[in-house]
PDB file of N, CA and C in Angstrom:
ATOM      1  N   GLU A   1     -15.085   4.624   1.654  1.00  0.00           N
ATOM      2  CA  GLU A   1     -13.716   5.002   1.339  1.00  0.00           C
ATOM      3  C   GLU A   1     -13.094   3.955   0.434  1.00  0.00           C
ATOM      4  N   PRO A   2     -12.130   4.343  -0.381  1.00  0.00           N
ATOM      5  CA  PRO A   2     -11.519   3.415  -1.331  1.00  0.00           C
ATOM      6  C   PRO A   2     -10.679   2.343  -0.673  1.00  0.00           C
ATOM      7  N   LEU A   3     -10.627   1.219  -1.329  1.00  0.00           N
ATOM      8  CA  LEU A   3      -9.701   0.163  -0.982  1.00  0.00           C
ATOM      9  C   LEU A   3      -8.518   0.342  -1.900  1.00  0.00           C
ATOM     10  N   SER A   4      -7.336   0.508  -1.323  1.00  0.00           N
ATOM     11  CA  SER A   4      -6.161   0.847  -2.110  1.00  0.00           C
ATOM     12  C   SER A   4      -5.146  -0.271  -2.090  1.00  0.00           C
ATOM     13  N   THR A   5      -4.563  -0.583  -3.241  1.00  0.00           N
ATOM     14  CA  THR A   5      -3.442  -1.493  -3.369  1.00  0.00           C
ATOM     15  C   THR A   5      -2.279  -0.662  -3.851  1.00  0.00           C
ATOM     16  N   THR A   6      -1.160  -0.738  -3.146  1.00  0.00           N
ATOM     17  CA  THR A   6      -0.046   0.145  -3.478  1.00  0.00           C
ATOM     18  C   THR A   6       1.255  -0.626  -3.655  1.00  0.00           C
ATOM     19  N   ALA A   7       2.205   0.046  -4.234  1.00  0.00           N
ATOM     20  CA  ALA A   7       3.563  -0.475  -4.365  1.00  0.00           C
ATOM     21  C   ALA A   7       4.517   0.699  -4.263  1.00  0.00           C
ATOM     22  N   PRO A   8       5.723   0.493  -3.734  1.00  0.00           N
ATOM     23  CA  PRO A   8       6.665   1.604  -3.620  1.00  0.00           C
ATOM     24  C   PRO A   8       7.085   2.108  -4.990  1.00  0.00           C
ATOM     25  N   THR A   9       7.409   3.395  -5.050  1.00  0.00           N
ATOM     26  CA  THR A   9       7.865   3.958  -6.313  1.00  0.00           C
ATOM     27  C   THR A   9       9.307   3.570  -6.598  1.00  0.00           C
ATOM     28  N   GLU A  10      10.048   3.205  -5.593  1.00  0.00           N
ATOM     29  CA  GLU A  10      11.426   2.747  -5.733  1.00  0.00           C
ATOM     30  C   GLU A  10      11.496   1.295  -5.276  1.00  0.00           C
ATOM     31  N   PRO A  11      12.452   0.506  -5.747  1.00  0.00           N
ATOM     32  CA  PRO A  11      12.600  -0.850  -5.262  1.00  0.00           C
ATOM     33  C   PRO A  11      12.829  -0.877  -3.761  1.00  0.00           C
ATOM     34  N   PRO A  12      12.351  -1.900  -3.063  1.00  0.00           N
ATOM     35  CA  PRO A  12      12.553  -1.960  -1.609  1.00  0.00           C
ATOM     36  C   PRO A  12      14.034  -1.986  -1.273  1.00  0.00           C
ATOM     37  N   THR A  13      14.355  -1.330  -0.172  1.00  0.00           N
ATOM     38  CA  THR A  13      15.753  -1.282   0.244  1.00  0.00           C
ATOM     39  C   THR A  13      16.077  -2.355   1.272  1.00  0.00           C
ATOM     40  N   LEU A  14      15.057  -2.966   1.851  1.00  0.00           N
ATOM     41  CA  LEU A  14      15.265  -4.013   2.839  1.00  0.00           C
ATOM     42  C   LEU A  14      14.924  -5.364   2.235  1.00  0.00           C
ATOM     43  N   PRO A  15      15.559  -6.432   2.666  1.00  0.00           N
ATOM     44  CA  PRO A  15      15.286  -7.754   2.090  1.00  0.00           C
ATOM     45  C   PRO A  15      13.865  -8.224   2.360  1.00  0.00           C
ATOM     46  N   MET A  16      13.337  -9.033   1.448  1.00  0.00           N
ATOM     47  CA  MET A  16      11.976  -9.535   1.575  1.00  0.00           C
ATOM     48  C   MET A  16      11.769 -10.388   2.823  1.00  0.00           C
ATOM     49  N   GLU A  17      12.827 -11.012   3.337  1.00  0.00           N
ATOM     50  CA  GLU A  17      12.635 -11.835   4.518  1.00  0.00           C
ATOM     51  C   GLU A  17      12.342 -11.020   5.771  1.00  0.00           C
ATOM     52  N   ASN A  18      12.471  -9.711   5.693  1.00  0.00           N
ATOM     53  CA  ASN A  18      12.119  -8.837   6.805  1.00  0.00           C
ATOM     54  C   ASN A  18      10.613  -8.597   6.722  1.00  0.00           C
ATOM     55  N   ALA A  19       9.826  -9.543   7.206  1.00  0.00           N
ATOM     56  CA  ALA A  19       8.381  -9.570   7.002  1.00  0.00           C
ATOM     57  C   ALA A  19       7.676  -8.355   7.567  1.00  0.00           C
ATOM     58  N   GLY A  20       8.214  -7.697   8.590  1.00  0.00           N
ATOM     59  CA  GLY A  20       7.569  -6.537   9.155  1.00  0.00           C
ATOM     60  C   GLY A  20       7.744  -5.292   8.307  1.00  0.00           C
ATOM     61  N   THR A  21       8.503  -5.346   7.255  1.00  0.00           N
ATOM     62  CA  THR A  21       8.799  -4.160   6.466  1.00  0.00           C
ATOM     63  C   THR A  21       8.129  -4.180   5.103  1.00  0.00           C
ATOM     64  N   HIS A  22       8.153  -5.275   4.416  1.00  0.00           N
ATOM     65  CA  HIS A  22       7.586  -5.344   3.076  1.00  0.00           C
ATOM     66  C   HIS A  22       6.754  -6.613   2.935  1.00  0.00           C
ATOM     67  N   ALA A  23       5.755  -6.539   2.080  1.00  0.00           N
ATOM     68  CA  ALA A  23       4.913  -7.715   1.807  1.00  0.00           C
ATOM     69  C   ALA A  23       4.741  -7.836   0.302  1.00  0.00           C
ATOM     70  N   PRO A  24       4.826  -9.051  -0.257  1.00  0.00           N
ATOM     71  CA  PRO A  24       4.655  -9.211  -1.698  1.00  0.00           C
ATOM     72  C   PRO A  24       3.190  -9.137  -2.105  1.00  0.00           C
ATOM     73  N   VAL A  25       2.943  -8.692  -3.304  1.00  0.00           N
ATOM     74  CA  VAL A  25       1.598  -8.667  -3.888  1.00  0.00           C
ATOM     75  C   VAL A  25       1.684  -9.328  -5.247  1.00  0.00           C
ATOM     76  N   ASP A  26       0.794 -10.272  -5.522  1.00  0.00           N
ATOM     77  CA  ASP A  26       0.759 -10.920  -6.825  1.00  0.00           C
ATOM     78  C   ASP A  26      -0.239 -10.178  -7.701  1.00  0.00           C
ATOM     79  N   THR A  27       0.251  -9.511  -8.735  1.00  0.00           N
ATOM     80  CA  THR A  27      -0.618  -8.764  -9.635  1.00  0.00           C
ATOM     81  C   THR A  27      -0.821  -9.509 -10.949  1.00  0.00           C
ATOM     82  N   GLY A  28      -0.381 -10.741 -11.033  1.00  0.00           N
ATOM     83  CA  GLY A  28      -0.473 -11.501 -12.260  1.00  0.00           C
ATOM     84  C   GLY A  28       0.778 -11.372 -13.096  1.00  0.00           C
ATOM     85  N   ASN A  29       1.601 -10.391 -12.816  1.00  0.00           N
ATOM     86  CA  ASN A  29       2.871 -10.204 -13.499  1.00  0.00           C
ATOM     87  C   ASN A  29       3.978 -10.463 -12.484  1.00  0.00           C
ATOM     88  N   GLU A  30       4.770  -9.460 -12.210  1.00  0.00           N
ATOM     89  CA  GLU A  30       5.796  -9.587 -11.180  1.00  0.00           C
ATOM     90  C   GLU A  30       5.195  -9.225  -9.835  1.00  0.00           C
ATOM     91  N   PRO A  31       5.622  -9.887  -8.751  1.00  0.00           N
ATOM     92  CA  PRO A  31       5.116  -9.497  -7.432  1.00  0.00           C
ATOM     93  C   PRO A  31       5.588  -8.086  -7.081  1.00  0.00           C
ATOM     94  N   LEU A  32       4.700  -7.340  -6.442  1.00  0.00           N
ATOM     95  CA  LEU A  32       5.022  -6.010  -5.945  1.00  0.00           C
ATOM     96  C   LEU A  32       5.263  -6.101  -4.456  1.00  0.00           C
ATOM     97  N   THR A  33       5.848  -5.055  -3.896  1.00  0.00           N
ATOM     98  CA  THR A  33       6.033  -5.008  -2.455  1.00  0.00           C
ATOM     99  C   THR A  33       5.511  -3.683  -1.933  1.00  0.00           C
ATOM    100  N   CYS A  34       5.236  -3.650  -0.644  1.00  0.00           N
ATOM    101  CA  CYS A  34       4.787  -2.412  -0.014  1.00  0.00           C
ATOM    102  C   CYS A  34       5.367  -2.317   1.377  1.00  0.00           C
ATOM    103  N   GLN A  35       5.314  -1.115   1.930  1.00  0.00           N
ATOM    104  CA  GLN A  35       5.768  -0.906   3.289  1.00  0.00           C
ATOM    105  C   GLN A  35       4.803  -1.596   4.259  1.00  0.00           C
ATOM    106  N   ALA A  36       5.289  -1.844   5.454  1.00  0.00           N
ATOM    107  CA  ALA A  36       4.419  -2.381   6.512  1.00  0.00           C
ATOM    108  C   ALA A  36       3.270  -1.408   6.748  1.00  0.00           C
ATOM    109  N   TYR A  37       2.098  -1.939   7.089  1.00  0.00           N
ATOM    110  CA  TYR A  37       0.918  -1.091   7.273  1.00  0.00           C
ATOM    111  C   TYR A  37       1.127  -0.003   8.310  1.00  0.00           C
ATOM    112  N   GLY A  38       1.989  -0.217   9.281  1.00  0.00           N
ATOM    113  CA  GLY A  38       2.285   0.815  10.271  1.00  0.00           C
ATOM    114  C   GLY A  38       2.870   2.068   9.654  1.00  0.00           C
ATOM    115  N   GLN A  39       3.390   1.965   8.449  1.00  0.00           N
ATOM    116  CA  GLN A  39       3.966   3.107   7.736  1.00  0.00           C
ATOM    117  C   GLN A  39       2.938   3.813   6.851  1.00  0.00           C
ATOM    118  N   TRP A  40       1.762   3.197   6.643  1.00  0.00           N
ATOM    119  CA  TRP A  40       0.738   3.778   5.776  1.00  0.00           C
ATOM    120  C   TRP A  40      -0.049   4.829   6.567  1.00  0.00           C
ATOM    121  N   PRO A  41      -0.291   6.005   5.995  1.00  0.00           N
ATOM    122  CA  PRO A  41      -1.136   6.990   6.682  1.00  0.00           C
ATOM    123  C   PRO A  41      -2.620   6.688   6.452  1.00  0.00           C
ATOM    124  N   SER A  42      -3.446   7.144   7.349  1.00  0.00           N
ATOM    125  CA  SER A  42      -4.901   7.198   7.155  1.00  0.00           C
ATOM    126  C   SER A  42      -5.562   5.878   6.793  1.00  0.00           C
ATOM    127  N   ILE A  43      -5.177   4.772   7.455  1.00  0.00           N
ATOM    128  CA  ILE A  43      -5.915   3.518   7.261  1.00  0.00           C
ATOM    129  C   ILE A  43      -7.193   3.624   8.076  1.00  0.00           C
ATOM    130  N   ASP A  44      -8.332   3.444   7.443  1.00  0.00           N
ATOM    131  CA  ASP A  44      -9.641   3.626   8.070  1.00  0.00           C
ATOM    132  C   ASP A  44      -9.931   2.501   9.057  1.00  0.00           C
ATOM    133  N   GLY A  45      -9.918   2.822  10.330  1.00  0.00           N
ATOM    134  CA  GLY A  45     -10.241   1.859  11.376  1.00  0.00           C
ATOM    135  C   GLY A  45      -9.260   0.700  11.462  1.00  0.00           C
ATOM    136  N   GLY A  46      -8.076   0.850  10.898  1.00  0.00           N
ATOM    137  CA  GLY A  46      -7.077  -0.219  10.924  1.00  0.00           C
ATOM    138  C   GLY A  46      -7.419  -1.392  10.021  1.00  0.00           C
ATOM    139  N   VAL A  47      -8.363  -1.203   9.067  1.00  0.00           N
ATOM    140  CA  VAL A  47      -8.822  -2.284   8.203  1.00  0.00           C
ATOM    141  C   VAL A  47      -7.807  -2.535   7.084  1.00  0.00           C
ATOM    142  N   THR A  48      -7.198  -3.719   7.098  1.00  0.00           N
ATOM    143  CA  THR A  48      -6.288  -4.154   6.037  1.00  0.00           C
ATOM    144  C   THR A  48      -6.743  -5.525   5.542  1.00  0.00           C
ATOM    145  N   CYS A  49      -6.198  -5.944   4.431  1.00  0.00           N
ATOM    146  CA  CYS A  49      -6.570  -7.226   3.843  1.00  0.00           C
ATOM    147  C   CYS A  49      -5.493  -8.286   4.037  1.00  0.00           C
ATOM    148  N   GLY A  50      -4.679  -8.141   5.056  1.00  0.00           N
ATOM    149  CA  GLY A  50      -3.637  -9.115   5.350  1.00  0.00           C
ATOM    150  C   GLY A  50      -2.266  -8.651   4.920  1.00  0.00           C
ATOM    151  N   ALA A  51      -1.269  -9.141   5.609  1.00  0.00           N
ATOM    152  CA  ALA A  51       0.108  -8.679   5.433  1.00  0.00           C
ATOM    153  C   ALA A  51       0.631  -8.863   4.022  1.00  0.00           C
ATOM    154  N   SER A  52       0.198  -9.887   3.318  1.00  0.00           N
ATOM    155  CA  SER A  52       0.760 -10.133   1.991  1.00  0.00           C
ATOM    156  C   SER A  52      -0.057  -9.501   0.864  1.00  0.00           C
ATOM    157  N   SER A  53      -1.120  -8.752   1.184  1.00  0.00           N
ATOM    158  CA  SER A  53      -1.985  -8.218   0.127  1.00  0.00           C
ATOM    159  C   SER A  53      -1.633  -6.797  -0.303  1.00  0.00           C
ATOM    160  N   CYS A  54      -0.999  -6.028   0.570  1.00  0.00           N
ATOM    161  CA  CYS A  54      -0.741  -4.607   0.282  1.00  0.00           C
ATOM    162  C   CYS A  54      -2.033  -3.869  -0.042  1.00  0.00           C
ATOM    163  N   ARG A  55      -3.128  -4.236   0.631  1.00  0.00           N
ATOM    164  CA  ARG A  55      -4.423  -3.601   0.441  1.00  0.00           C
ATOM    165  C   ARG A  55      -4.971  -3.173   1.791  1.00  0.00           C
ATOM    166  N   ALA A  56      -5.601  -1.999   1.795  1.00  0.00           N
ATOM    167  CA  ALA A  56      -6.201  -1.494   3.024  1.00  0.00           C
ATOM    168  C   ALA A  56      -7.340  -0.551   2.688  1.00  0.00           C
ATOM    169  N   LEU A  57      -8.272  -0.413   3.623  1.00  0.00           N
ATOM    170  CA  LEU A  57      -9.326   0.585   3.510  1.00  0.00           C
ATOM    171  C   LEU A  57      -8.720   1.890   3.999  1.00  0.00           C
ATOM    172  N   VAL A  58      -8.684   2.886   3.144  1.00  0.00           N
ATOM    173  CA  VAL A  58      -7.975   4.120   3.486  1.00  0.00           C
ATOM    174  C   VAL A  58      -8.876   5.338   3.365  1.00  0.00           C
ATOM    175  N   LEU A  59      -8.525   6.362   4.122  1.00  0.00           N
ATOM    176  CA  LEU A  59      -9.224   7.644   4.082  1.00  0.00           C
ATOM    177  C   LEU A  59      -8.515   8.537   3.062  1.00  0.00           C
ATOM    178  N   THR A  60      -9.179   8.818   1.945  1.00  0.00           N
ATOM    179  CA  THR A  60      -8.534   9.598   0.887  1.00  0.00           C
ATOM    180  C   THR A  60      -8.931  11.068   0.900  1.00  0.00           C
ATOM    181  N   GLU A  61      -9.890  11.454   1.733  1.00  0.00           N
ATOM    182  CA  GLU A  61     -10.339  12.849   1.751  1.00  0.00           C
ATOM    183  C   GLU A  61      -9.181  13.835   1.929  1.00  0.00           C
ATOM    184  N   PRO A  62      -8.234  13.567   2.845  1.00  0.00           N
ATOM    185  CA  PRO A  62      -7.109  14.511   2.990  1.00  0.00           C
ATOM    186  C   PRO A  62      -6.228  14.586   1.748  1.00  0.00           C
ATOM    187  N   TYR A  63      -6.425  13.703   0.799  1.00  0.00           N
ATOM    188  CA  TYR A  63      -5.604  13.639  -0.408  1.00  0.00           C
ATOM    189  C   TYR A  63      -6.451  13.958  -1.647  1.00  0.00           C
ATOM    190  N   GLY A  64      -7.474  14.808  -1.459  1.00  0.00           N
ATOM    191  CA  GLY A  64      -8.340  15.187  -2.563  1.00  0.00           C
ATOM    192  C   GLY A  64      -9.215  14.060  -3.068  1.00  0.00           C
ATOM    193  N   ASN A  65      -9.458  13.054  -2.195  1.00  0.00           N
ATOM    194  CA  ASN A  65     -10.251  11.883  -2.558  1.00  0.00           C
ATOM    195  C   ASN A  65      -9.643  11.118  -3.729  1.00  0.00           C
ATOM    196  N   ARG A  66      -8.317  11.155  -3.823  1.00  0.00           N
ATOM    197  CA  ARG A  66      -7.613  10.485  -4.924  1.00  0.00           C
ATOM    198  C   ARG A  66      -6.650   9.442  -4.375  1.00  0.00           C
ATOM    199  N   CYS A  67      -6.822   8.214  -4.837  1.00  0.00           N
ATOM    200  CA  CYS A  67      -5.938   7.130  -4.396  1.00  0.00           C
ATOM    201  C   CYS A  67      -4.500   7.363  -4.850  1.00  0.00           C
ATOM    202  N   ASP A  68      -4.316   7.910  -6.044  1.00  0.00           N
ATOM    203  CA  ASP A  68      -2.954   8.150  -6.511  1.00  0.00           C
ATOM    204  C   ASP A  68      -2.219   9.129  -5.613  1.00  0.00           C
ATOM    205  N   LYS A  69      -2.903  10.183  -5.178  1.00  0.00           N
ATOM    206  CA  LYS A  69      -2.271  11.169  -4.284  1.00  0.00           C
ATOM    207  C   LYS A  69      -2.029  10.564  -2.906  1.00  0.00           C
ATOM    208  N   TYR A  70      -2.968   9.745  -2.430  1.00  0.00           N
ATOM    209  CA  TYR A  70      -2.759   9.049  -1.159  1.00  0.00           C
ATOM    210  C   TYR A  70      -1.479   8.219  -1.220  1.00  0.00           C
ATOM    211  N   CYS A  71      -1.361   7.382  -2.227  1.00  0.00           N
ATOM    212  CA  CYS A  71      -0.204   6.495  -2.349  1.00  0.00           C
ATOM    213  C   CYS A  71       1.097   7.273  -2.496  1.00  0.00           C
ATOM    214  N   GLU A  72       1.068   8.334  -3.294  1.00  0.00           N
ATOM    215  CA  GLU A  72       2.263   9.165  -3.467  1.00  0.00           C
ATOM    216  C   GLU A  72       2.714   9.783  -2.163  1.00  0.00           C
ATOM    217  N   SER A  73       1.782  10.018  -1.219  1.00  0.00           N
ATOM    218  CA  SER A  73       2.122  10.696   0.031  1.00  0.00           C
ATOM    219  C   SER A  73       3.120   9.913   0.866  1.00  0.00           C
ATOM    220  N   PHE A  74       3.250   8.604   0.612  1.00  0.00           N
ATOM    221  CA  PHE A  74       4.246   7.836   1.361  1.00  0.00           C
ATOM    222  C   PHE A  74       5.136   6.989   0.433  1.00  0.00           C
ATOM    223  N   GLY A  75       5.336   7.526  -0.784  1.00  0.00           N
ATOM    224  CA  GLY A  75       6.302   6.929  -1.694  1.00  0.00           C
ATOM    225  C   GLY A  75       5.864   5.692  -2.431  1.00  0.00           C
ATOM    226  N   HIS A  76       4.547   5.480  -2.570  1.00  0.00           N
ATOM    227  CA  HIS A  76       3.999   4.335  -3.282  1.00  0.00           C
ATOM    228  C   HIS A  76       3.267   4.806  -4.532  1.00  0.00           C
ATOM    229  N   VAL A  77       2.924   3.874  -5.387  1.00  0.00           N
ATOM    230  CA  VAL A  77       2.015   4.137  -6.506  1.00  0.00           C
ATOM    231  C   VAL A  77       0.804   3.234  -6.341  1.00  0.00           C
ATOM    232  N   CYS A  78      -0.349   3.740  -6.684  1.00  0.00           N
ATOM    233  CA  CYS A  78      -1.585   2.964  -6.590  1.00  0.00           C
ATOM    234  C   CYS A  78      -1.666   2.045  -7.793  1.00  0.00           C
ATOM    235  N   VAL A  79      -1.812   0.749  -7.569  1.00  0.00           N
ATOM    236  CA  VAL A  79      -1.929  -0.186  -8.672  1.00  0.00           C
ATOM    237  C   VAL A  79      -3.348  -0.716  -8.826  1.00  0.00           C
ATOM    238  N   ALA A  80      -4.225  -0.418  -7.860  1.00  0.00           N
ATOM    239  CA  ALA A  80      -5.632  -0.790  -7.948  1.00  0.00           C
ATOM    240  C   ALA A  80      -6.395  -0.034  -6.872  1.00  0.00           C
ATOM    241  N   ALA A  81      -7.656   0.258  -7.154  1.00  0.00           N
ATOM    242  CA  ALA A  81      -8.525   0.896  -6.171  1.00  0.00           C
ATOM    243  C   ALA A  81      -9.951   0.458  -6.461  1.00  0.00           C
ATOM    244  N   ALA A  82     -10.743   0.385  -5.414  1.00  0.00           N
ATOM    245  CA  ALA A  82     -12.135   0.004  -5.581  1.00  0.00           C
ATOM    246  C   ALA A  82     -13.023   0.943  -4.807  1.00  0.00           C
TER     247      ALA A  82
END
């Protein structure tokens, strides 16, 4: 299954210091943020790459095996997949 890195389609509404809600991602440009993993659907076996990475092993089959559709399903955009 793909490893997905996501970012919200809209700017976060909660402050960054609320660590349980958003985590920064360094993409080499501006840091991105994502929702807490508890808000992500279909994480395969609970496998994530740490709170600050916004990366997880996800099940994309319900989303046509497409990372972009997976990310869109919870208001994010896919910025990387492997």
